[in-house]
Protein backbone atom coordinates (compact mmCIF):
# COMPACT_ATOMS: atom_id res chain seq x y z
CA MET A 1 -52.29 -25.93 -13.98
CA LYS A 2 -54.18 -26.08 -10.66
CA LYS A 3 -51.56 -28.34 -9.10
CA SER A 4 -48.74 -26.06 -10.28
CA PHE A 5 -50.55 -23.03 -8.89
CA LYS A 6 -51.03 -24.73 -5.52
CA CYS A 7 -47.31 -25.61 -5.33
CA THR A 8 -46.33 -22.05 -6.16
CA LEU A 9 -48.72 -20.70 -3.58
CA CYS A 10 -47.43 -23.16 -1.00
CA THR A 11 -43.82 -22.10 -1.66
CA ALA A 12 -44.75 -18.42 -1.37
CA LEU A 13 -46.48 -19.05 1.96
CA VAL A 14 -43.44 -20.90 3.29
CA LEU A 15 -41.16 -18.06 2.24
CA LEU A 16 -43.46 -15.49 3.82
CA LEU A 17 -43.32 -17.48 7.05
CA LEU A 18 -39.52 -17.53 6.89
CA LEU A 19 -39.34 -13.79 6.31
CA THR A 20 -41.48 -13.00 9.29
CA VAL A 21 -40.45 -15.68 11.79
CA GLY A 22 -36.93 -17.02 11.12
CA CYS A 23 -35.34 -19.72 13.25
CA SER A 24 -32.67 -18.15 15.40
CA SER A 25 -34.60 -16.53 18.24
CA ASN A 26 -33.73 -19.19 20.82
CA ILE A 27 -30.07 -19.76 19.93
CA ALA A 28 -27.42 -19.71 22.67
CA ASN A 29 -24.96 -16.80 23.09
CA LYS A 30 -27.28 -14.52 21.17
CA GLY A 31 -25.72 -11.14 20.36
CA GLN A 32 -22.09 -12.34 20.52
CA ASP A 33 -19.87 -11.23 17.62
CA VAL A 34 -18.50 -13.89 15.29
CA VAL A 35 -16.20 -13.51 12.29
CA VAL A 36 -16.86 -15.85 9.38
CA LYS A 37 -14.80 -16.25 6.23
CA ILE A 38 -16.66 -16.65 2.96
CA GLU A 39 -14.38 -18.32 0.45
CA SER A 40 -14.52 -17.67 -3.27
CA GLY A 41 -16.73 -20.30 -4.90
CA MET A 42 -18.92 -20.99 -1.86
CA ASN A 43 -22.64 -21.27 -2.52
CA SER A 44 -25.59 -20.59 -0.23
CA LYS A 45 -25.63 -24.21 1.00
CA ASP A 46 -21.95 -23.96 1.98
CA ILE A 47 -22.62 -20.71 3.85
CA ALA A 48 -25.61 -22.16 5.63
CA ASP A 49 -23.51 -25.08 6.83
CA LEU A 50 -20.75 -22.68 7.96
CA LEU A 51 -23.21 -20.58 9.95
CA VAL A 52 -24.41 -23.68 11.77
CA ILE A 53 -20.82 -24.74 12.54
CA LYS A 54 -20.06 -21.24 13.87
CA GLY A 55 -23.12 -21.38 16.09
CA VAL A 56 -24.83 -18.46 14.36
CA LEU A 57 -27.82 -20.55 13.32
CA PRO A 58 -29.24 -23.77 14.83
CA SER A 59 -30.22 -25.13 11.41
CA ASN A 60 -29.29 -24.51 7.79
CA ASN A 61 -32.74 -25.18 6.32
CA TYR A 62 -34.29 -21.71 6.54
CA PHE A 63 -31.14 -19.87 5.47
CA ALA A 64 -30.54 -22.11 2.45
CA LEU A 65 -34.13 -21.77 1.28
CA MET A 66 -34.20 -17.98 1.71
CA SER A 67 -30.81 -17.64 0.00
CA ARG A 68 -32.21 -19.28 -3.10
CA PHE A 69 -35.23 -16.98 -2.96
CA TYR A 70 -32.99 -13.87 -2.81
CA SER A 71 -30.48 -15.28 -5.36
CA LEU A 72 -27.63 -14.78 -2.88
CA ASP A 73 -25.22 -16.81 -5.00
CA LYS A 74 -25.32 -14.09 -7.68
CA SER A 75 -24.34 -11.22 -5.36
CA LEU A 76 -22.08 -12.98 -2.87
CA GLN A 77 -18.65 -11.43 -2.25
CA ALA A 78 -15.80 -13.40 -0.72
CA GLY A 79 -14.15 -12.07 2.42
CA PHE A 80 -14.46 -11.89 6.20
CA TYR A 81 -17.75 -10.79 7.75
CA LYS A 82 -18.54 -9.81 11.32
CA ILE A 83 -21.99 -10.98 12.31
CA LYS A 84 -23.85 -11.59 15.55
CA ILE A 85 -25.07 -14.91 16.85
CA GLY A 86 -28.83 -14.97 16.67
CA MET A 87 -29.21 -12.68 13.66
CA GLY A 88 -32.24 -13.43 11.52
CA GLU A 89 -31.78 -15.12 8.18
CA ARG A 90 -32.97 -12.12 6.21
CA GLU A 91 -30.52 -9.80 8.02
CA LEU A 92 -27.67 -12.21 7.39
CA ILE A 93 -28.50 -12.42 3.70
CA GLN A 94 -28.56 -8.61 3.47
CA ILE A 95 -25.07 -8.42 4.99
CA PHE A 96 -23.66 -11.03 2.61
CA SER A 97 -25.39 -9.65 -0.47
CA LYS A 98 -24.12 -6.12 0.21
CA GLY A 99 -20.55 -7.39 0.46
CA ALA A 100 -20.08 -5.83 3.90
CA VAL A 101 -16.66 -7.43 4.36
CA LEU A 102 -14.31 -6.42 7.15
CA TYR A 103 -11.44 -4.03 6.41
CA ASN A 104 -8.37 -2.88 8.30
CA THR A 105 -7.52 0.78 7.72
CA LEU A 106 -3.83 1.70 7.68
CA THR A 107 -1.93 4.79 6.51
CA ILE A 108 1.39 4.28 4.75
CA PRO A 109 3.38 7.55 4.98
CA GLU A 110 5.43 8.95 2.10
CA GLY A 111 9.04 7.83 1.89
CA MET A 112 8.81 4.63 3.93
CA TYR A 113 11.20 1.80 3.00
CA VAL A 114 9.82 -1.65 2.26
CA PRO A 115 11.22 -2.94 5.61
CA GLN A 116 9.54 -0.07 7.44
CA ILE A 117 6.21 -0.89 5.80
CA ALA A 118 6.71 -4.52 6.76
CA GLU A 119 7.28 -3.49 10.39
CA LEU A 120 4.19 -1.25 10.35
CA LEU A 121 2.06 -4.11 9.05
CA GLU A 122 3.34 -6.45 11.74
CA GLN A 123 2.80 -3.85 14.47
CA ASN A 124 -0.82 -3.56 13.35
CA GLN A 125 -1.19 -7.33 13.11
CA LEU A 126 -1.87 -7.18 9.38
CA GLY A 127 0.96 -9.45 8.32
CA LYS A 128 4.33 -10.92 9.16
CA LYS A 129 7.39 -8.76 8.50
CA ASP A 130 9.58 -11.58 7.18
CA ALA A 131 6.84 -12.90 4.93
CA PHE A 132 6.20 -9.43 3.48
CA LEU A 133 9.91 -8.88 2.80
CA ALA A 134 10.25 -12.29 1.17
CA VAL A 135 7.47 -11.51 -1.31
CA ALA A 136 8.56 -7.88 -1.88
CA LYS A 137 12.05 -8.98 -2.88
CA ASP A 138 10.99 -10.22 -6.31
CA TYR A 139 7.44 -8.84 -6.55
CA ALA A 140 7.17 -7.07 -9.92
CA PRO A 141 3.82 -7.73 -11.62
CA TYR A 142 4.21 -4.80 -14.05
CA ASP A 143 6.87 -4.68 -16.75
CA TYR A 144 8.19 -1.31 -15.59
CA MET A 145 9.03 -2.83 -12.20
CA GLN A 146 11.36 -5.42 -13.68
CA THR A 147 15.12 -4.99 -13.31
CA ASP A 148 18.18 -7.12 -13.95
CA ASN A 149 20.28 -5.19 -11.44
CA PRO A 150 21.35 -7.76 -8.82
CA ASN A 151 22.00 -4.99 -6.28
CA VAL A 152 18.33 -3.98 -6.01
CA LYS A 153 17.18 -5.00 -2.54
CA TYR A 154 13.43 -5.17 -3.29
CA LYS A 155 11.89 -5.01 -6.74
CA ALA A 156 8.72 -3.65 -5.15
CA GLU A 157 10.60 -0.74 -3.53
CA GLY A 158 9.34 2.61 -4.81
CA PHE A 159 6.13 1.21 -6.26
CA LEU A 160 4.12 0.87 -3.02
CA PHE A 161 2.10 4.03 -3.24
CA PRO A 162 1.84 5.86 0.10
CA SER A 163 -1.80 6.36 1.02
CA THR A 164 -4.52 5.34 3.47
CA TYR A 165 -5.72 1.84 2.63
CA ASN A 166 -8.62 -0.36 3.59
CA PHE A 167 -6.98 -3.76 3.50
CA PRO A 168 -9.47 -6.66 3.51
CA PHE A 169 -9.51 -8.53 6.79
CA GLY A 170 -7.32 -11.59 6.47
CA ALA A 171 -5.42 -10.30 3.42
CA SER A 172 -2.10 -12.06 2.84
CA GLU A 173 1.21 -10.24 2.53
CA GLU A 174 1.05 -10.72 -1.24
CA ASP A 175 -2.53 -9.40 -1.29
CA ILE A 176 -1.35 -6.22 0.44
CA LEU A 177 1.52 -5.77 -1.99
CA LYS A 178 -0.86 -6.24 -4.89
CA ILE A 179 -3.24 -3.59 -3.55
CA MET A 180 -0.47 -1.02 -3.05
CA VAL A 181 1.25 -1.67 -6.37
CA SER A 182 -2.10 -1.54 -8.17
CA GLU A 183 -2.78 1.83 -6.54
CA PHE A 184 0.53 3.14 -7.88
CA ASN A 185 -0.25 1.80 -11.34
CA LYS A 186 -3.56 3.65 -11.24
CA ARG A 187 -1.91 6.90 -10.12
CA LEU A 188 0.75 6.59 -12.83
CA THR A 189 -1.43 8.10 -15.53
CA ALA A 190 -0.74 7.94 -19.25
CA GLN A 191 0.20 11.62 -19.11
CA LEU A 192 2.83 11.01 -16.41
CA ARG A 193 4.25 8.05 -18.31
CA GLU A 194 4.50 10.09 -21.49
CA GLN A 195 6.10 12.98 -19.62
CA ALA A 196 8.73 10.67 -18.14
CA SER A 197 9.40 9.08 -21.51
CA ASN A 198 9.83 12.48 -23.15
CA ALA A 199 12.38 13.33 -20.45
CA GLY A 200 14.33 10.17 -21.27
CA MET A 201 13.33 8.30 -18.10
CA ASP A 202 11.79 4.91 -17.62
CA VAL A 203 9.44 4.46 -14.67
CA ARG A 204 12.06 2.91 -12.39
CA THR A 205 14.42 5.83 -12.99
CA LEU A 206 11.59 8.28 -12.30
CA LEU A 207 10.80 6.54 -9.02
CA THR A 208 14.46 6.37 -8.01
CA LYS A 209 14.89 10.12 -8.47
CA ALA A 210 11.57 10.82 -6.74
CA SER A 211 12.59 8.70 -3.76
CA LEU A 212 15.72 10.83 -3.30
CA VAL A 213 13.64 14.00 -3.37
CA GLU A 214 11.14 12.46 -0.95
CA LYS A 215 13.85 11.74 1.57
CA GLU A 216 15.62 15.11 1.27
CA ALA A 217 12.75 17.62 1.03
CA ARG A 218 10.73 18.62 4.06
CA PHE A 219 8.37 21.04 2.30
CA ASP A 220 6.69 20.91 -1.10
CA VAL A 221 8.22 24.21 -2.20
CA ASP A 222 11.71 22.67 -2.01
CA ARG A 223 10.97 19.47 -3.93
CA PRO A 224 11.39 20.80 -7.51
CA ILE A 225 14.50 22.82 -6.51
CA ILE A 226 16.17 19.79 -4.92
CA ALA A 227 15.19 17.68 -7.94
CA GLY A 228 16.92 20.31 -10.08
CA VAL A 229 20.09 20.14 -7.99
CA PHE A 230 20.24 16.36 -8.47
CA GLU A 231 19.75 16.81 -12.22
CA ASN A 232 22.60 19.32 -12.34
CA ARG A 233 24.94 16.89 -10.60
CA LEU A 234 23.94 13.98 -12.82
CA LYS A 235 24.61 16.04 -15.95
CA ILE A 236 28.22 16.70 -14.97
CA ASP A 237 28.90 13.24 -13.44
CA MET A 238 29.20 14.74 -9.98
CA PRO A 239 28.43 12.34 -7.10
CA LEU A 240 24.94 12.98 -5.72
CA GLN A 241 26.28 12.67 -2.16
CA CYS A 242 22.77 12.07 -0.89
CA ASP A 243 22.76 11.13 2.79
CA ALA A 244 19.48 9.27 2.37
CA THR A 245 21.10 6.67 0.10
CA VAL A 246 23.59 5.81 2.84
CA GLN A 247 20.79 5.68 5.40
CA TYR A 248 18.93 3.28 3.12
CA GLU A 249 21.91 0.95 3.17
CA LEU A 250 22.09 1.26 6.96
CA GLY A 251 18.39 0.50 7.21
CA TYR A 252 17.46 3.50 9.34
CA ALA A 253 17.62 7.32 9.29
CA LYS A 254 20.86 7.91 11.17
CA PHE A 255 21.46 11.60 11.82
CA PRO A 256 24.02 12.96 11.46
CA LEU A 257 26.03 10.49 9.42
CA LEU A 258 29.65 9.88 10.40
CA PHE A 259 32.56 9.98 7.97
CA SER A 260 32.87 6.22 8.43
CA ASP A 261 29.26 5.85 7.24
CA LEU A 262 30.08 7.69 4.03
CA LYS A 263 32.71 5.06 3.25
CA ILE A 264 30.32 2.10 3.41
CA ASP A 265 30.99 -0.13 0.41
CA SER A 266 27.56 -0.28 -1.18
CA SER A 267 26.17 0.43 -4.63
CA TYR A 268 23.59 2.59 -2.83
CA ASN A 269 26.30 4.86 -1.42
CA THR A 270 26.16 7.93 -3.67
CA TYR A 271 29.21 9.39 -1.96
CA LEU A 272 31.34 6.62 -3.46
CA HIS A 273 29.48 5.96 -6.70
CA ILE A 274 28.54 8.42 -9.44
CA GLY A 275 24.97 8.34 -10.72
CA LEU A 276 21.74 7.05 -9.27
CA PRO A 277 21.54 4.18 -6.77
CA PRO A 278 20.39 0.79 -8.14
CA GLY A 279 16.75 1.59 -7.42
CA PRO A 280 14.37 3.64 -5.30
CA ILE A 281 15.33 4.16 -1.64
CA GLY A 282 11.76 4.38 -0.43
CA ASN A 283 8.24 4.90 -1.71
CA PRO A 284 7.67 8.50 -2.84
CA GLY A 285 4.41 10.38 -2.93
CA MET A 286 2.97 12.14 -5.95
CA ALA A 287 4.45 15.53 -4.98
CA SER A 288 7.99 14.16 -5.31
CA ILE A 289 7.17 12.39 -8.57
CA GLN A 290 5.79 15.63 -9.98
CA ALA A 291 8.86 17.50 -8.72
CA VAL A 292 11.17 15.24 -10.75
CA LEU A 293 9.05 15.68 -13.87
CA ASN A 294 8.82 19.43 -13.38
CA TYR A 295 12.07 20.30 -11.62
CA THR A 296 13.22 23.92 -11.24
CA PRO A 297 16.16 24.75 -13.54
CA SER A 298 19.03 26.47 -11.71
CA ASP A 299 22.80 26.63 -11.37
CA TYR A 300 22.71 25.18 -7.84
CA LEU A 301 24.89 22.21 -7.02
CA PHE A 302 24.58 22.20 -3.23
CA PHE A 303 21.85 22.46 -0.61
CA VAL A 304 21.58 22.11 3.13
CA ALA A 305 18.77 22.57 5.63
CA ASP A 306 18.91 24.30 9.01
CA LYS A 307 17.35 22.88 12.16
CA ASN A 308 13.95 24.36 11.23
CA GLY A 309 13.90 22.80 7.77
CA LYS A 310 14.79 25.93 5.82
CA TYR A 311 16.95 25.09 2.81
CA TYR A 312 19.94 27.05 1.56
CA TYR A 313 21.00 26.56 -2.06
CA THR A 314 24.45 27.43 -3.37
CA LYS A 315 26.44 27.17 -6.59
CA THR A 316 29.92 26.50 -5.20
CA PHE A 317 31.41 24.37 -2.46
CA ASP A 318 32.87 27.46 -0.73
CA GLU A 319 29.42 29.02 -0.53
CA HIS A 320 28.04 25.73 0.73
CA GLN A 321 30.73 25.45 3.41
CA HIS A 322 30.06 29.01 4.51
CA ILE A 323 26.39 28.14 5.12
CA ILE A 324 27.41 25.07 7.13
CA ASP A 325 29.78 27.19 9.25
CA THR A 326 27.32 30.02 9.92
CA VAL A 327 23.87 28.42 10.10
CA ASP A 328 22.51 26.33 12.98
CA LEU A 329 21.96 22.94 11.38
CA GLY A 330 20.83 21.35 14.59
CA TYR A 331 23.84 19.10 15.08
């Protein structure tokens, strides 16, 4: 018993010395920032060795011993950490145990196409455009994302929820897709799913309609009215004639469209083909999704916006043409 007590006391004294003194006070380049990557499955010994390699600590002995004392292995979170050369062991352990990983904040606006998101990620050095597009093409981890339509450009299109994200530093293109799709899945509540089902829509159809509304509406007040116009056209097999579907095929928001653009041979061209396009033409926000589920009933079949974004709704083509002839549309 006495020997055991002495060993315990000795260990406690050593740990107390480590807590108060540390070993990194004389290290070179003290205060310089260093980014270290903690991999999943690493233990405190692995981290101690990494810190020595990175020049953060001159020796791994103190850190490894203190890590065991604080049970770091039980609270460690994988990711990238920004630390300073010369930090004390206790401070380093606090950073790792709190999971203070680095994040990159990025806002994805409503209505962006998958290629536009890919470009935004590359511009912010968060991923490679081509790599993102390659994964997005067939990325469909949820059943409702699946489709057999060979004309769908990206299975992930429509399901990348527009929001402000904190992407983990060093996240791969697939990691980013997973985060955004998971956010959409979380926002797609059981109530919304039931509402869509009761309206005879699967999730992909809901998102396709919402993406049209997202592209056409400038203000929230117009979203449910425009959604209603599209519903009216679908009910009578009238072409949607949605400019945004042609722009999606072009790959950019050309304005105004030429008559030659309206003749582009594409399944996304709703001037040539009756019904919805093969899939979403962008990633809609919740306001547009709600607008489709709660559209405003009307007799309108046409709408057009003036240069200030004010919409004019009409029941006949003659009325629609009159608006075009008399209102300043900005082009």
